[in-house]
Amino acid sequence: MFEEPEWTEEAPVATDLRPVASRPLPASASQIKVPLEDESVDVAVFCLSLMGTNIRDFLEEANRVLKQGGLLKVAEVSSRFEDVRTFLGAVTKLGFKVISKDLTNSHFFLFDFEKTGPPRVGPKAQLTGLKLQPCLYKRR
């Protein structure tokens, strides 16, 4: 039989059992300002979700909600990157440090960043590395 490790915590129980129609609608997937407090999260994940033209807004919002030293994980289609080094440089200017990168998969690139502080560039500074190519799908 499976025994739970000592470090496990009990998950919160769902208490909002009202009919779906009476619940508030979820936030839009492209919402830039998420309803979380500043420096309130340990981990932020972008998994195949940097599809907009405003990637900088998403990364700045991740910086806002992540605690100092928090982890930003990015998984994105490899064909979208024209220059990985330029992308990584742009993300570091937004207050992150590259912890790891995995470019070995032929379809996806994986990156881990640590929040080091607020963005180091002004809001009008151009960050060309954040412009990713459109996602290409092959018919099979």
N, C-alpha and C. Protein backbone atom coordinates (compact mmCIF):
# COMPACT_ATOMS: atom_id res chain seq x y z
N MET A 1 0.84 -1.18 0.00
CA MET A 1 0.00 0.00 0.00
C MET A 1 0.88 1.23 0.00
N PHE A 2 0.42 2.29 -0.59
CA PHE A 2 1.17 3.54 -0.70
C PHE A 2 1.09 4.33 0.60
N GLU A 3 2.25 4.77 1.09
CA GLU A 3 2.28 5.62 2.26
C GLU A 3 2.69 7.02 1.84
N GLU A 4 1.98 8.03 2.34
CA GLU A 4 2.32 9.41 2.01
C GLU A 4 3.56 9.82 2.78
N PRO A 5 4.50 10.51 2.10
CA PRO A 5 5.68 11.00 2.81
C PRO A 5 5.28 11.99 3.89
N GLU A 6 6.15 12.18 4.85
CA GLU A 6 5.87 13.08 5.97
C GLU A 6 5.68 14.52 5.52
N TRP A 7 6.29 14.92 4.42
CA TRP A 7 6.25 16.32 4.00
C TRP A 7 4.97 16.70 3.25
N THR A 8 4.09 15.75 2.95
CA THR A 8 2.89 16.10 2.21
C THR A 8 1.95 16.95 3.05
N GLU A 9 1.22 17.79 2.36
CA GLU A 9 0.24 18.63 3.02
C GLU A 9 -1.13 18.26 2.48
N GLU A 10 -2.13 18.43 3.30
CA GLU A 10 -3.48 18.15 2.86
C GLU A 10 -3.94 19.25 1.91
N ALA A 11 -4.49 18.86 0.78
CA ALA A 11 -4.98 19.84 -0.20
C ALA A 11 -6.25 20.48 0.31
N PRO A 12 -6.45 21.77 -0.02
CA PRO A 12 -7.69 22.42 0.41
C PRO A 12 -8.90 21.77 -0.25
N VAL A 13 -9.98 21.75 0.46
CA VAL A 13 -11.21 21.15 -0.04
C VAL A 13 -12.01 22.21 -0.78
N ALA A 14 -12.57 21.85 -1.93
CA ALA A 14 -13.39 22.79 -2.70
C ALA A 14 -14.62 23.16 -1.89
N THR A 15 -14.82 24.46 -1.71
CA THR A 15 -15.97 24.90 -0.92
C THR A 15 -16.99 25.64 -1.78
N ASP A 16 -16.59 26.03 -3.00
CA ASP A 16 -17.50 26.77 -3.86
C ASP A 16 -18.23 25.78 -4.77
N LEU A 17 -19.33 25.27 -4.30
CA LEU A 17 -20.06 24.25 -5.05
C LEU A 17 -21.34 24.82 -5.67
N ARG A 18 -21.38 26.15 -5.84
CA ARG A 18 -22.53 26.76 -6.51
C ARG A 18 -22.58 26.28 -7.95
N PRO A 19 -23.75 26.34 -8.57
CA PRO A 19 -23.83 25.98 -9.99
C PRO A 19 -22.87 26.85 -10.81
N VAL A 20 -22.31 26.28 -11.86
CA VAL A 20 -21.32 26.97 -12.68
C VAL A 20 -21.82 28.33 -13.16
N ALA A 21 -23.08 28.45 -13.53
CA ALA A 21 -23.63 29.70 -14.07
C ALA A 21 -23.54 30.85 -13.06
N SER A 22 -23.52 30.55 -11.75
CA SER A 22 -23.50 31.62 -10.76
C SER A 22 -22.09 31.99 -10.31
N ARG A 23 -21.08 31.27 -10.79
CA ARG A 23 -19.69 31.57 -10.43
C ARG A 23 -19.14 32.67 -11.33
N PRO A 24 -18.18 33.44 -10.82
CA PRO A 24 -17.55 34.45 -11.69
C PRO A 24 -16.78 33.76 -12.82
N LEU A 25 -16.74 34.41 -13.97
CA LEU A 25 -16.02 33.86 -15.11
C LEU A 25 -14.52 33.91 -14.86
N PRO A 26 -13.76 32.92 -15.37
CA PRO A 26 -12.31 32.96 -15.21
C PRO A 26 -11.72 34.12 -16.00
N ALA A 27 -10.53 34.54 -15.61
CA ALA A 27 -9.84 35.63 -16.32
C ALA A 27 -9.47 35.19 -17.72
N SER A 28 -9.45 36.14 -18.62
CA SER A 28 -9.06 35.87 -19.99
C SER A 28 -7.65 35.32 -20.03
N ALA A 29 -7.39 34.41 -20.97
CA ALA A 29 -6.07 33.80 -21.09
C ALA A 29 -5.01 34.83 -21.47
N SER A 30 -5.42 35.93 -22.08
CA SER A 30 -4.44 36.93 -22.47
C SER A 30 -4.40 38.11 -21.50
N GLN A 31 -5.01 37.94 -20.36
CA GLN A 31 -5.03 39.01 -19.37
C GLN A 31 -3.61 39.29 -18.90
N ILE A 32 -3.21 40.54 -18.94
CA ILE A 32 -1.85 40.89 -18.58
C ILE A 32 -1.70 41.05 -17.07
N LYS A 33 -2.66 41.62 -16.42
CA LYS A 33 -2.58 41.84 -14.96
C LYS A 33 -3.40 40.75 -14.28
N VAL A 34 -2.71 39.76 -13.72
CA VAL A 34 -3.41 38.67 -13.04
C VAL A 34 -3.79 39.10 -11.63
N PRO A 35 -4.88 38.56 -11.10
CA PRO A 35 -5.34 38.99 -9.78
C PRO A 35 -4.55 38.33 -8.64
N LEU A 36 -3.25 38.61 -8.59
CA LEU A 36 -2.38 38.10 -7.53
C LEU A 36 -1.59 39.27 -6.95
N GLU A 37 -1.25 39.15 -5.68
CA GLU A 37 -0.46 40.17 -5.01
C GLU A 37 0.97 40.18 -5.53
N ASP A 38 1.64 41.32 -5.41
CA ASP A 38 3.06 41.41 -5.75
C ASP A 38 3.85 40.41 -4.91
N GLU A 39 4.83 39.78 -5.52
CA GLU A 39 5.73 38.84 -4.86
C GLU A 39 4.99 37.81 -4.00
N SER A 40 3.99 37.16 -4.60
CA SER A 40 3.16 36.22 -3.86
C SER A 40 3.29 34.77 -4.34
N VAL A 41 4.05 34.52 -5.40
CA VAL A 41 4.16 33.16 -5.94
C VAL A 41 5.61 32.69 -5.97
N ASP A 42 5.79 31.40 -5.83
CA ASP A 42 7.12 30.80 -5.88
C ASP A 42 7.52 30.39 -7.29
N VAL A 43 6.54 29.99 -8.09
CA VAL A 43 6.82 29.48 -9.44
C VAL A 43 5.79 30.02 -10.43
N ALA A 44 6.28 30.46 -11.58
CA ALA A 44 5.41 30.85 -12.70
C ALA A 44 5.80 30.00 -13.90
N VAL A 45 4.81 29.52 -14.64
CA VAL A 45 5.06 28.62 -15.76
C VAL A 45 4.42 29.16 -17.03
N PHE A 46 5.20 29.24 -18.08
CA PHE A 46 4.70 29.55 -19.41
C PHE A 46 4.98 28.32 -20.26
N CYS A 47 3.96 27.53 -20.51
CA CYS A 47 4.10 26.30 -21.29
C CYS A 47 3.30 26.48 -22.58
N LEU A 48 4.02 26.71 -23.67
CA LEU A 48 3.41 26.93 -24.98
C LEU A 48 2.38 28.06 -24.91
N SER A 49 2.69 29.10 -24.13
CA SER A 49 1.72 30.17 -23.94
C SER A 49 2.24 31.56 -24.28
N LEU A 50 3.44 31.67 -24.79
CA LEU A 50 3.97 32.97 -25.19
C LEU A 50 3.62 33.23 -26.65
N MET A 51 2.33 33.19 -26.93
CA MET A 51 1.86 33.29 -28.31
C MET A 51 1.53 34.71 -28.74
N GLY A 52 1.35 35.62 -27.82
CA GLY A 52 0.99 36.98 -28.19
C GLY A 52 2.19 37.77 -28.70
N THR A 53 1.91 38.97 -29.17
CA THR A 53 3.00 39.86 -29.60
C THR A 53 3.53 40.67 -28.43
N ASN A 54 2.89 40.53 -27.27
CA ASN A 54 3.29 41.30 -26.08
C ASN A 54 3.94 40.39 -25.03
N ILE A 55 4.90 39.60 -25.46
CA ILE A 55 5.58 38.68 -24.55
C ILE A 55 6.20 39.42 -23.37
N ARG A 56 6.71 40.62 -23.64
CA ARG A 56 7.32 41.41 -22.58
C ARG A 56 6.33 41.66 -21.45
N ASP A 57 5.08 41.99 -21.78
CA ASP A 57 4.07 42.23 -20.75
C ASP A 57 3.88 41.01 -19.87
N PHE A 58 3.86 39.82 -20.48
CA PHE A 58 3.67 38.59 -19.71
C PHE A 58 4.85 38.34 -18.77
N LEU A 59 6.07 38.55 -19.28
CA LEU A 59 7.26 38.32 -18.46
C LEU A 59 7.37 39.35 -17.34
N GLU A 60 6.99 40.59 -17.61
CA GLU A 60 7.01 41.61 -16.56
C GLU A 60 5.97 41.29 -15.48
N GLU A 61 4.83 40.75 -15.89
CA GLU A 61 3.81 40.36 -14.92
C GLU A 61 4.29 39.18 -14.08
N ALA A 62 4.98 38.24 -14.71
CA ALA A 62 5.56 37.13 -13.95
C ALA A 62 6.56 37.67 -12.93
N ASN A 63 7.35 38.65 -13.33
CA ASN A 63 8.31 39.26 -12.42
C ASN A 63 7.58 39.92 -11.24
N ARG A 64 6.48 40.58 -11.51
CA ARG A 64 5.72 41.26 -10.46
C ARG A 64 5.21 40.28 -9.41
N VAL A 65 4.65 39.15 -9.83
CA VAL A 65 4.01 38.24 -8.88
C VAL A 65 4.99 37.25 -8.25
N LEU A 66 6.15 37.03 -8.87
CA LEU A 66 7.12 36.09 -8.31
C LEU A 66 7.83 36.70 -7.10
N LYS A 67 8.05 35.85 -6.10
CA LYS A 67 8.87 36.25 -4.96
C LYS A 67 10.32 36.39 -5.42
N GLN A 68 11.09 37.17 -4.69
CA GLN A 68 12.52 37.26 -4.96
C GLN A 68 13.11 35.85 -4.91
N GLY A 69 13.86 35.46 -5.92
CA GLY A 69 14.40 34.10 -5.98
C GLY A 69 13.42 33.09 -6.54
N GLY A 70 12.21 33.54 -6.91
CA GLY A 70 11.20 32.65 -7.47
C GLY A 70 11.63 32.09 -8.81
N LEU A 71 10.99 31.01 -9.22
CA LEU A 71 11.35 30.28 -10.43
C LEU A 71 10.37 30.57 -11.56
N LEU A 72 10.90 30.93 -12.71
CA LEU A 72 10.12 31.09 -13.93
C LEU A 72 10.50 29.96 -14.87
N LYS A 73 9.52 29.15 -15.26
CA LYS A 73 9.77 28.03 -16.17
C LYS A 73 9.10 28.34 -17.52
N VAL A 74 9.85 28.17 -18.59
CA VAL A 74 9.33 28.43 -19.93
C VAL A 74 9.56 27.19 -20.78
N ALA A 75 8.50 26.71 -21.43
CA ALA A 75 8.58 25.63 -22.42
C ALA A 75 7.93 26.15 -23.68
N GLU A 76 8.68 26.17 -24.76
CA GLU A 76 8.17 26.76 -25.99
C GLU A 76 8.65 25.96 -27.21
N VAL A 77 7.90 26.04 -28.29
CA VAL A 77 8.22 25.33 -29.53
C VAL A 77 9.55 25.85 -30.07
N SER A 78 10.48 24.96 -30.36
CA SER A 78 11.83 25.35 -30.77
C SER A 78 11.86 26.15 -32.07
N SER A 79 10.94 25.89 -32.98
CA SER A 79 10.95 26.59 -34.27
C SER A 79 10.61 28.07 -34.13
N ARG A 80 10.13 28.49 -32.98
CA ARG A 80 9.77 29.90 -32.79
C ARG A 80 10.98 30.78 -32.49
N PHE A 81 12.11 30.17 -32.14
CA PHE A 81 13.30 30.93 -31.77
C PHE A 81 14.22 31.12 -32.96
N GLU A 82 14.46 32.38 -33.27
CA GLU A 82 15.44 32.70 -34.32
C GLU A 82 16.83 32.72 -33.71
N ASP A 83 16.95 33.26 -32.49
CA ASP A 83 18.23 33.38 -31.81
C ASP A 83 17.99 33.22 -30.30
N VAL A 84 18.29 32.04 -29.78
CA VAL A 84 18.04 31.75 -28.36
C VAL A 84 18.85 32.67 -27.46
N ARG A 85 20.08 32.97 -27.84
CA ARG A 85 20.93 33.84 -27.01
C ARG A 85 20.30 35.22 -26.83
N THR A 86 19.74 35.77 -27.90
CA THR A 86 19.09 37.09 -27.82
C THR A 86 17.86 37.03 -26.92
N PHE A 87 17.09 35.93 -27.02
CA PHE A 87 15.92 35.74 -26.16
C PHE A 87 16.35 35.71 -24.70
N LEU A 88 17.36 34.91 -24.38
CA LEU A 88 17.82 34.79 -23.00
C LEU A 88 18.33 36.14 -22.48
N GLY A 89 19.04 36.88 -23.33
CA GLY A 89 19.52 38.20 -22.93
C GLY A 89 18.39 39.16 -22.61
N ALA A 90 17.33 39.12 -23.41
CA ALA A 90 16.18 39.99 -23.18
C ALA A 90 15.49 39.63 -21.87
N VAL A 91 15.34 38.34 -21.59
CA VAL A 91 14.67 37.92 -20.36
C VAL A 91 15.50 38.33 -19.14
N THR A 92 16.82 38.26 -19.23
CA THR A 92 17.65 38.68 -18.09
C THR A 92 17.51 40.17 -17.83
N LYS A 93 17.28 40.96 -18.86
CA LYS A 93 17.08 42.40 -18.67
C LYS A 93 15.76 42.70 -17.96
N LEU A 94 14.87 41.71 -17.94
CA LEU A 94 13.58 41.88 -17.27
C LEU A 94 13.61 41.38 -15.83
N GLY A 95 14.82 41.18 -15.29
CA GLY A 95 14.95 40.83 -13.87
C GLY A 95 15.05 39.36 -13.57
N PHE A 96 15.58 38.59 -14.52
CA PHE A 96 15.74 37.15 -14.32
C PHE A 96 17.17 36.72 -14.62
N LYS A 97 17.56 35.60 -14.03
CA LYS A 97 18.86 34.98 -14.29
C LYS A 97 18.60 33.58 -14.84
N VAL A 98 19.33 33.21 -15.89
CA VAL A 98 19.17 31.88 -16.49
C VAL A 98 19.75 30.84 -15.52
N ILE A 99 18.91 29.89 -15.14
CA ILE A 99 19.34 28.80 -14.26
C ILE A 99 19.70 27.57 -15.10
N SER A 100 18.84 27.28 -16.06
CA SER A 100 19.12 26.14 -16.94
C SER A 100 18.40 26.33 -18.27
N LYS A 101 18.95 25.70 -19.28
CA LYS A 101 18.31 25.68 -20.60
C LYS A 101 18.52 24.30 -21.18
N ASP A 102 17.49 23.78 -21.80
CA ASP A 102 17.56 22.47 -22.45
C ASP A 102 17.13 22.65 -23.89
N LEU A 103 18.10 22.59 -24.79
CA LEU A 103 17.84 22.76 -26.22
C LEU A 103 17.99 21.44 -26.96
N THR A 104 17.99 20.32 -26.23
CA THR A 104 18.26 19.02 -26.84
C THR A 104 17.06 18.42 -27.56
N ASN A 105 15.86 18.83 -27.18
CA ASN A 105 14.66 18.28 -27.82
C ASN A 105 14.46 18.94 -29.18
N SER A 106 14.10 18.16 -30.18
CA SER A 106 13.94 18.70 -31.53
C SER A 106 12.68 19.55 -31.68
N HIS A 107 11.74 19.45 -30.74
CA HIS A 107 10.48 20.18 -30.88
C HIS A 107 10.29 21.29 -29.85
N PHE A 108 10.87 21.14 -28.66
CA PHE A 108 10.61 22.08 -27.58
C PHE A 108 11.92 22.51 -26.91
N PHE A 109 11.98 23.78 -26.51
CA PHE A 109 13.07 24.28 -25.69
C PHE A 109 12.52 24.54 -24.30
N LEU A 110 13.32 24.21 -23.29
CA LEU A 110 12.92 24.38 -21.89
C LEU A 110 13.92 25.31 -21.20
N PHE A 111 13.41 26.29 -20.47
CA PHE A 111 14.25 27.25 -19.77
C PHE A 111 13.78 27.41 -18.34
N ASP A 112 14.72 27.55 -17.42
CA ASP A 112 14.43 27.90 -16.03
C ASP A 112 15.17 29.19 -15.72
N PHE A 113 14.43 30.14 -15.13
CA PHE A 113 15.00 31.43 -14.74
C PHE A 113 14.71 31.66 -13.27
N GLU A 114 15.59 32.41 -12.61
CA GLU A 114 15.36 32.82 -11.23
C GLU A 114 15.15 34.33 -11.22
N LYS A 115 14.15 34.77 -10.46
CA LYS A 115 13.92 36.21 -10.34
C LYS A 115 15.03 36.82 -9.50
N THR A 116 15.69 37.83 -10.07
CA THR A 116 16.78 38.50 -9.37
C THR A 116 16.38 39.88 -8.87
N GLY A 117 15.29 40.42 -9.37
CA GLY A 117 14.85 41.75 -9.00
C GLY A 117 13.93 42.32 -10.05
N PRO A 118 13.63 43.61 -9.96
CA PRO A 118 12.75 44.23 -10.96
C PRO A 118 13.46 44.32 -12.31
N PRO A 119 12.70 44.57 -13.38
CA PRO A 119 13.33 44.75 -14.69
C PRO A 119 14.43 45.81 -14.63
N ARG A 120 15.52 45.56 -15.37
CA ARG A 120 16.67 46.47 -15.36
C ARG A 120 16.63 47.45 -16.51
N VAL A 121 15.56 47.45 -17.27
CA VAL A 121 15.41 48.37 -18.39
C VAL A 121 14.07 49.09 -18.25
N GLY A 122 14.02 50.30 -18.81
CA GLY A 122 12.79 51.07 -18.76
C GLY A 122 11.72 50.47 -19.66
N PRO A 123 10.47 50.88 -19.47
CA PRO A 123 9.36 50.31 -20.23
C PRO A 123 9.43 50.60 -21.73
N LYS A 124 10.17 51.60 -22.13
CA LYS A 124 10.24 51.93 -23.55
C LYS A 124 11.46 51.32 -24.25
N ALA A 125 12.34 50.68 -23.48
CA ALA A 125 13.53 50.07 -24.08
C ALA A 125 13.11 48.92 -25.00
N GLN A 126 13.70 48.86 -26.16
CA GLN A 126 13.39 47.81 -27.13
C GLN A 126 14.14 46.53 -26.76
N LEU A 127 13.43 45.43 -26.72
CA LEU A 127 14.02 44.11 -26.44
C LEU A 127 13.70 43.20 -27.62
N THR A 128 14.54 43.24 -28.63
CA THR A 128 14.26 42.50 -29.87
C THR A 128 14.22 40.99 -29.67
N GLY A 129 14.90 40.48 -28.67
CA GLY A 129 14.92 39.03 -28.46
C GLY A 129 13.59 38.44 -28.04
N LEU A 130 12.63 39.29 -27.71
CA LEU A 130 11.32 38.78 -27.28
C LEU A 130 10.34 38.59 -28.43
N LYS A 131 10.77 38.85 -29.64
CA LYS A 131 9.90 38.65 -30.79
C LYS A 131 10.15 37.23 -31.31
N LEU A 132 9.19 36.36 -31.06
CA LEU A 132 9.31 34.97 -31.49
C LEU A 132 8.59 34.77 -32.82
N GLN A 133 9.03 33.77 -33.55
CA GLN A 133 8.42 33.44 -34.83
C GLN A 133 7.04 32.81 -34.61
N PRO A 134 6.16 32.89 -35.62
CA PRO A 134 4.88 32.18 -35.48
C PRO A 134 5.11 30.69 -35.33
N CYS A 135 4.21 30.05 -34.64
CA CYS A 135 4.32 28.61 -34.42
C CYS A 135 3.96 27.89 -35.73
N LEU A 136 4.86 27.01 -36.16
CA LEU A 136 4.64 26.28 -37.41
C LEU A 136 4.19 24.85 -37.08
N TYR A 137 3.12 24.45 -37.71
CA TYR A 137 2.61 23.09 -37.50
C TYR A 137 2.75 22.33 -38.82
N LYS A 138 3.19 21.10 -38.72
CA LYS A 138 3.33 20.28 -39.92
C LYS A 138 2.16 19.33 -40.01
N ARG A 139 1.64 19.20 -41.21
CA ARG A 139 0.56 18.23 -41.44
C ARG A 139 1.17 16.84 -41.44
N ARG A 140 0.56 15.93 -40.75
CA ARG A 140 1.09 14.56 -40.66
C ARG A 140 0.16 13.59 -41.32
